[in-house]
Amino acid sequence: MSDPSKPPLTTTTSIWPAASIFILAIVVLGSFMIINLVSDQGVVTTTTTVPNIVGGLAAESSSVILENCQQPDNPPVNIADALLVPQTTQSTGPTQLPNEGAGDFDCFRPLVTQASPDALLNFYTTQLEARGWNLFSKGAANGDPQQLFQKAGSDSFYWVVGITVQSSTKTSAHWTYTIYQNSGAV
């Protein structure tokens, strides 16, 4: 007995289930892109100005006193704004670069300013904080008036500026300006 021959059974597979997932993904992606375009506020740039302190010490506009602390690529550009001194500041010794480019950068210089220690420290507090530096320490271990400021550099290291008053009279303060690259990375 032989059965009559029949054509093979055909089953059609639809691509619509797979296409519906793809279409849903495009619709969801498109809706989020539209939401992003509508709600995007763009990059907001803030401009800060360095304060002009009334009654405080004025910054020296073009001081060469800390010029030797500026070495090629050290400190980086966003840190170099801390190389400032108040008017009436004079050097009492040479600039010291202990590492001379080997290892972490370190620079300090002894100075004298015709101002009280409080006025000197207030000058650096207002000027450096306006430039994005954070005051993280007050007072040296030996009791000398001191302030340490810290800021992340564009070279991926933290930088520290230290102002330490060694001695003072009623009209002047003998102090040391220090800037160094902290060994810890940002």
C-alpha atoms as a PDB file:
ATOM      1  CA  MET A   1       0.000   0.000   0.000  1.00  0.00           C
ATOM      2  CA  SER A   2       1.384   3.084  -0.924  1.00  0.00           C
ATOM      3  CA  ASP A   3       0.120   6.421   0.115  1.00  0.00           C
ATOM      4  CA  PRO A   4      -0.313   9.002  -2.426  1.00  0.00           C
ATOM      5  CA  SER A   5       2.547  11.440  -2.409  1.00  0.00           C
ATOM      6  CA  LYS A   6       1.882  14.753  -0.842  1.00  0.00           C
ATOM      7  CA  PRO A   7       3.919  17.872  -0.909  1.00  0.00           C
ATOM      8  CA  PRO A   8       5.970  18.484   2.248  1.00  0.00           C
ATOM      9  CA  LEU A   9       4.381  20.425   5.063  1.00  0.00           C
ATOM     10  CA  THR A  10       5.411  24.028   5.131  1.00  0.00           C
ATOM     11  CA  THR A  11       5.706  25.974   8.294  1.00  0.00           C
ATOM     12  CA  THR A  12       6.175  29.643   8.050  1.00  0.00           C
ATOM     13  CA  THR A  13       8.208  31.351  10.704  1.00  0.00           C
ATOM     14  CA  SER A  14       7.306  34.966  11.251  1.00  0.00           C
ATOM     15  CA  ILE A  15       9.984  37.576  11.958  1.00  0.00           C
ATOM     16  CA  TRP A  16       7.438  39.861  13.624  1.00  0.00           C
ATOM     17  CA  PRO A  17       8.153  38.738  17.211  1.00  0.00           C
ATOM     18  CA  ALA A  18      11.863  39.548  16.778  1.00  0.00           C
ATOM     19  CA  ALA A  19      11.099  42.736  14.885  1.00  0.00           C
ATOM     20  CA  SER A  20       8.714  43.902  17.618  1.00  0.00           C
ATOM     21  CA  ILE A  21      11.543  43.679  20.197  1.00  0.00           C
ATOM     22  CA  PHE A  22      13.817  45.662  17.895  1.00  0.00           C
ATOM     23  CA  ILE A  23      11.120  48.294  17.242  1.00  0.00           C
ATOM     24  CA  LEU A  24      10.412  48.585  20.988  1.00  0.00           C
ATOM     25  CA  ALA A  25      14.139  49.157  21.663  1.00  0.00           C
ATOM     26  CA  ILE A  26      14.277  51.921  19.042  1.00  0.00           C
ATOM     27  CA  VAL A  27      11.170  53.590  20.498  1.00  0.00           C
ATOM     28  CA  VAL A  28      12.578  53.489  24.063  1.00  0.00           C
ATOM     29  CA  LEU A  29      15.972  54.776  22.926  1.00  0.00           C
ATOM     30  CA  GLY A  30      14.350  57.541  20.895  1.00  0.00           C
ATOM     31  CA  SER A  31      12.123  58.611  23.777  1.00  0.00           C
ATOM     32  CA  PHE A  32      15.113  58.865  26.144  1.00  0.00           C
ATOM     33  CA  MET A  33      17.051  60.875  23.548  1.00  0.00           C
ATOM     34  CA  ILE A  34      14.132  63.303  23.254  1.00  0.00           C
ATOM     35  CA  ILE A  35      13.887  63.599  27.048  1.00  0.00           C
ATOM     36  CA  ASN A  36      17.643  64.266  27.192  1.00  0.00           C
ATOM     37  CA  LEU A  37      17.442  66.971  24.506  1.00  0.00           C
ATOM     38  CA  VAL A  38      14.529  68.692  26.221  1.00  0.00           C
ATOM     39  CA  SER A  39      15.991  68.619  29.720  1.00  0.00           C
ATOM     40  CA  ASP A  40      19.673  69.228  28.841  1.00  0.00           C
ATOM     41  CA  GLN A  41      20.962  72.404  30.432  1.00  0.00           C
ATOM     42  CA  GLY A  42      24.414  72.201  28.888  1.00  0.00           C
ATOM     43  CA  VAL A  43      27.671  72.841  30.649  1.00  0.00           C
ATOM     44  CA  VAL A  44      27.412  75.727  33.048  1.00  0.00           C
ATOM     45  CA  THR A  45      30.679  77.606  33.391  1.00  0.00           C
ATOM     46  CA  THR A  46      31.156  79.766  36.400  1.00  0.00           C
ATOM     47  CA  THR A  47      33.556  82.607  36.372  1.00  0.00           C
ATOM     48  CA  THR A  48      35.233  83.505  39.574  1.00  0.00           C
ATOM     49  CA  THR A  49      37.082  86.647  40.293  1.00  0.00           C
ATOM     50  CA  VAL A  50      39.893  87.039  42.708  1.00  0.00           C
ATOM     51  CA  PRO A  51      38.637  89.161  45.575  1.00  0.00           C
ATOM     52  CA  ASN A  52      39.864  92.647  46.236  1.00  0.00           C
ATOM     53  CA  ILE A  53      39.986  92.745  50.012  1.00  0.00           C
ATOM     54  CA  VAL A  54      39.091  96.120  51.436  1.00  0.00           C
ATOM     55  CA  GLY A  55      41.274  96.896  54.410  1.00  0.00           C
ATOM     56  CA  GLY A  56      43.390  93.765  53.915  1.00  0.00           C
ATOM     57  CA  LEU A  57      46.766  93.341  52.292  1.00  0.00           C
ATOM     58  CA  ALA A  58      46.926  93.844  48.554  1.00  0.00           C
ATOM     59  CA  ALA A  59      48.564  91.239  46.324  1.00  0.00           C
ATOM     60  CA  GLU A  60      51.750  92.147  44.510  1.00  0.00           C
ATOM     61  CA  SER A  61      50.740  92.410  40.851  1.00  0.00           C
ATOM     62  CA  SER A  62      54.018  91.275  39.297  1.00  0.00           C
ATOM     63  CA  SER A  63      56.252  89.813  41.962  1.00  0.00           C
ATOM     64  CA  VAL A  64      59.436  87.993  41.040  1.00  0.00           C
ATOM     65  CA  ILE A  65      60.007  86.818  44.600  1.00  0.00           C
ATOM     66  CA  LEU A  66      58.566  83.337  43.979  1.00  0.00           C
ATOM     67  CA  GLU A  67      59.576  83.198  40.320  1.00  0.00           C
ATOM     68  CA  ASN A  68      62.209  80.516  40.962  1.00  0.00           C
ATOM     69  CA  CYS A  69      59.539  78.174  42.326  1.00  0.00           C
ATOM     70  CA  GLN A  70      58.086  78.011  38.802  1.00  0.00           C
ATOM     71  CA  GLN A  71      59.989  75.224  37.022  1.00  0.00           C
ATOM     72  CA  PRO A  72      59.099  73.578  33.687  1.00  0.00           C
ATOM     73  CA  ASP A  73      55.767  71.783  34.272  1.00  0.00           C
ATOM     74  CA  ASN A  74      56.060  72.273  38.053  1.00  0.00           C
ATOM     75  CA  PRO A  75      53.819  73.381  39.525  1.00  0.00           C
ATOM     76  CA  PRO A  76      51.107  72.800  36.914  1.00  0.00           C
ATOM     77  CA  VAL A  77      49.141  75.737  35.510  1.00  0.00           C
ATOM     78  CA  ASN A  78      46.146  75.324  37.832  1.00  0.00           C
ATOM     79  CA  ILE A  79      48.482  75.388  40.856  1.00  0.00           C
ATOM     80  CA  ALA A  80      50.765  78.250  39.783  1.00  0.00           C
ATOM     81  CA  ASP A  81      48.131  80.831  40.777  1.00  0.00           C
ATOM     82  CA  ALA A  82      49.220  80.247  44.379  1.00  0.00           C
ATOM     83  CA  LEU A  83      52.632  81.795  43.692  1.00  0.00           C
ATOM     84  CA  LEU A  84      51.656  85.201  45.043  1.00  0.00           C
ATOM     85  CA  VAL A  85      52.801  87.449  47.860  1.00  0.00           C
ATOM     86  CA  PRO A  86      51.360  90.541  49.514  1.00  0.00           C
ATOM     87  CA  GLN A  87      52.741  93.976  48.703  1.00  0.00           C
ATOM     88  CA  THR A  88      55.696  95.086  50.850  1.00  0.00           C
ATOM     89  CA  THR A  89      57.083  91.534  50.845  1.00  0.00           C
ATOM     90  CA  GLN A  90      60.839  91.127  50.515  1.00  0.00           C
ATOM     91  CA  SER A  91      63.115  88.124  50.411  1.00  0.00           C
ATOM     92  CA  THR A  92      65.365  87.308  53.362  1.00  0.00           C
ATOM     93  CA  GLY A  93      67.082  84.342  51.697  1.00  0.00           C
ATOM     94  CA  PRO A  94      67.383  82.402  48.453  1.00  0.00           C
ATOM     95  CA  THR A  95      64.742  80.139  46.942  1.00  0.00           C
ATOM     96  CA  GLN A  96      65.353  76.546  47.983  1.00  0.00           C
ATOM     97  CA  LEU A  97      64.495  73.600  45.718  1.00  0.00           C
ATOM     98  CA  PRO A  98      65.550  70.622  47.863  1.00  0.00           C
ATOM     99  CA  ASN A  99      64.797  67.908  45.315  1.00  0.00           C
ATOM    100  CA  GLU A 100      66.028  69.839  42.253  1.00  0.00           C
ATOM    101  CA  GLY A 101      63.595  67.921  40.067  1.00  0.00           C
ATOM    102  CA  ALA A 102      64.303  64.492  41.586  1.00  0.00           C
ATOM    103  CA  GLY A 103      61.180  63.106  43.218  1.00  0.00           C
ATOM    104  CA  ASP A 104      58.331  65.213  44.500  1.00  0.00           C
ATOM    105  CA  PHE A 105      58.544  68.937  43.776  1.00  0.00           C
ATOM    106  CA  ASP A 106      59.348  71.132  46.780  1.00  0.00           C
ATOM    107  CA  CYS A 107      60.131  74.846  46.917  1.00  0.00           C
ATOM    108  CA  PHE A 108      60.379  77.297  49.809  1.00  0.00           C
ATOM    109  CA  ARG A 109      61.655  80.796  50.438  1.00  0.00           C
ATOM    110  CA  PRO A 110      62.086  82.892  53.592  1.00  0.00           C
ATOM    111  CA  LEU A 111      60.345  86.261  53.369  1.00  0.00           C
ATOM    112  CA  VAL A 112      59.425  89.330  55.411  1.00  0.00           C
ATOM    113  CA  THR A 113      56.258  91.406  55.038  1.00  0.00           C
ATOM    114  CA  GLN A 114      55.393  94.733  56.619  1.00  0.00           C
ATOM    115  CA  ALA A 115      52.225  93.386  58.258  1.00  0.00           C
ATOM    116  CA  SER A 116      51.103  91.514  61.339  1.00  0.00           C
ATOM    117  CA  PRO A 117      51.030  87.695  61.271  1.00  0.00           C
ATOM    118  CA  ASP A 118      47.216  87.783  61.431  1.00  0.00           C
ATOM    119  CA  ALA A 119      47.019  90.104  58.426  1.00  0.00           C
ATOM    120  CA  LEU A 120      49.446  87.882  56.508  1.00  0.00           C
ATOM    121  CA  LEU A 121      47.517  84.690  57.248  1.00  0.00           C
ATOM    122  CA  ASN A 122      44.187  86.387  56.440  1.00  0.00           C
ATOM    123  CA  PHE A 123      45.665  87.490  53.103  1.00  0.00           C
ATOM    124  CA  TYR A 124      46.459  83.895  52.148  1.00  0.00           C
ATOM    125  CA  THR A 125      43.163  82.558  53.476  1.00  0.00           C
ATOM    126  CA  THR A 126      41.109  84.908  51.301  1.00  0.00           C
ATOM    127  CA  GLN A 127      43.347  84.774  48.231  1.00  0.00           C
ATOM    128  CA  LEU A 128      43.911  81.013  48.086  1.00  0.00           C
ATOM    129  CA  GLU A 129      40.371  79.988  48.985  1.00  0.00           C
ATOM    130  CA  ALA A 130      39.119  82.264  46.189  1.00  0.00           C
ATOM    131  CA  ARG A 131      41.426  80.336  43.857  1.00  0.00           C
ATOM    132  CA  GLY A 132      40.008  76.955  44.891  1.00  0.00           C
ATOM    133  CA  TRP A 133      42.492  75.981  47.605  1.00  0.00           C
ATOM    134  CA  ASN A 134      41.250  74.333  50.803  1.00  0.00           C
ATOM    135  CA  LEU A 135      42.627  75.310  54.193  1.00  0.00           C
ATOM    136  CA  PHE A 136      43.227  72.004  55.969  1.00  0.00           C
ATOM    137  CA  SER A 137      45.589  72.845  58.830  1.00  0.00           C
ATOM    138  CA  LYS A 138      46.251  75.765  61.165  1.00  0.00           C
ATOM    139  CA  GLY A 139      49.210  76.069  63.516  1.00  0.00           C
ATOM    140  CA  ALA A 140      52.570  74.311  63.414  1.00  0.00           C
ATOM    141  CA  ALA A 141      53.594  71.618  65.889  1.00  0.00           C
ATOM    142  CA  ASN A 142      56.051  74.037  67.520  1.00  0.00           C
ATOM    143  CA  GLY A 143      53.311  76.634  68.049  1.00  0.00           C
ATOM    144  CA  ASP A 144      54.267  78.978  65.203  1.00  0.00           C
ATOM    145  CA  PRO A 145      51.352  80.522  63.295  1.00  0.00           C
ATOM    146  CA  GLN A 146      50.948  78.394  60.184  1.00  0.00           C
ATOM    147  CA  GLN A 147      48.368  77.598  57.523  1.00  0.00           C
ATOM    148  CA  LEU A 148      48.422  74.714  55.050  1.00  0.00           C
ATOM    149  CA  PHE A 149      46.280  74.768  51.925  1.00  0.00           C
ATOM    150  CA  GLN A 150      45.655  71.876  49.536  1.00  0.00           C
ATOM    151  CA  LYS A 151      44.445  71.632  45.947  1.00  0.00           C
ATOM    152  CA  ALA A 152      44.300  68.872  43.321  1.00  0.00           C
ATOM    153  CA  GLY A 153      46.636  69.617  40.452  1.00  0.00           C
ATOM    154  CA  SER A 154      46.070  68.875  36.794  1.00  0.00           C
ATOM    155  CA  ASP A 155      49.074  66.525  37.050  1.00  0.00           C
ATOM    156  CA  SER A 156      46.996  64.116  39.223  1.00  0.00           C
ATOM    157  CA  PHE A 157      48.793  65.025  42.465  1.00  0.00           C
ATOM    158  CA  TYR A 158      47.685  67.061  45.440  1.00  0.00           C
ATOM    159  CA  TRP A 159      49.667  70.239  46.030  1.00  0.00           C
ATOM    160  CA  VAL A 160      50.206  71.946  49.364  1.00  0.00           C
ATOM    161  CA  VAL A 161      51.009  75.598  50.067  1.00  0.00           C
ATOM    162  CA  GLY A 162      52.291  76.400  53.530  1.00  0.00           C
ATOM    163  CA  ILE A 163      52.638  79.807  55.185  1.00  0.00           C
ATOM    164  CA  THR A 164      54.643  79.619  58.418  1.00  0.00           C
ATOM    165  CA  VAL A 165      55.436  82.700  60.517  1.00  0.00           C
ATOM    166  CA  GLN A 166      58.746  82.263  62.381  1.00  0.00           C
ATOM    167  CA  SER A 167      58.896  85.623  64.153  1.00  0.00           C
ATOM    168  CA  SER A 168      57.174  88.975  64.163  1.00  0.00           C
ATOM    169  CA  THR A 169      57.229  92.490  65.492  1.00  0.00           C
ATOM    170  CA  LYS A 170      54.369  94.981  65.684  1.00  0.00           C
ATOM    171  CA  THR A 171      54.990  96.016  62.085  1.00  0.00           C
ATOM    172  CA  SER A 172      56.472  92.997  60.295  1.00  0.00           C
ATOM    173  CA  ALA A 173      56.309  89.237  60.007  1.00  0.00           C
ATOM    174  CA  HIS A 174      59.231  86.955  59.095  1.00  0.00           C
ATOM    175  CA  TRP A 175      57.770  83.898  57.413  1.00  0.00           C
ATOM    176  CA  THR A 176      58.383  81.076  54.967  1.00  0.00           C
ATOM    177  CA  TYR A 177      56.408  80.356  51.818  1.00  0.00           C
ATOM    178  CA  THR A 178      56.414  76.655  50.906  1.00  0.00           C
ATOM    179  CA  ILE A 179      54.834  74.860  47.962  1.00  0.00           C
ATOM    180  CA  TYR A 180      55.203  71.138  47.401  1.00  0.00           C
ATOM    181  CA  GLN A 181      53.770  68.216  45.538  1.00  0.00           C
ATOM    182  CA  ASN A 182      52.164  65.770  47.923  1.00  0.00           C
ATOM    183  CA  SER A 183      53.242  62.194  47.301  1.00  0.00           C
ATOM    184  CA  GLY A 184      49.625  60.971  47.294  1.00  0.00           C
ATOM    185  CA  ALA A 185      47.821  60.907  43.972  1.00  0.00           C
ATOM    186  CA  VAL A 186      44.385  62.461  43.520  1.00  0.00           C
END
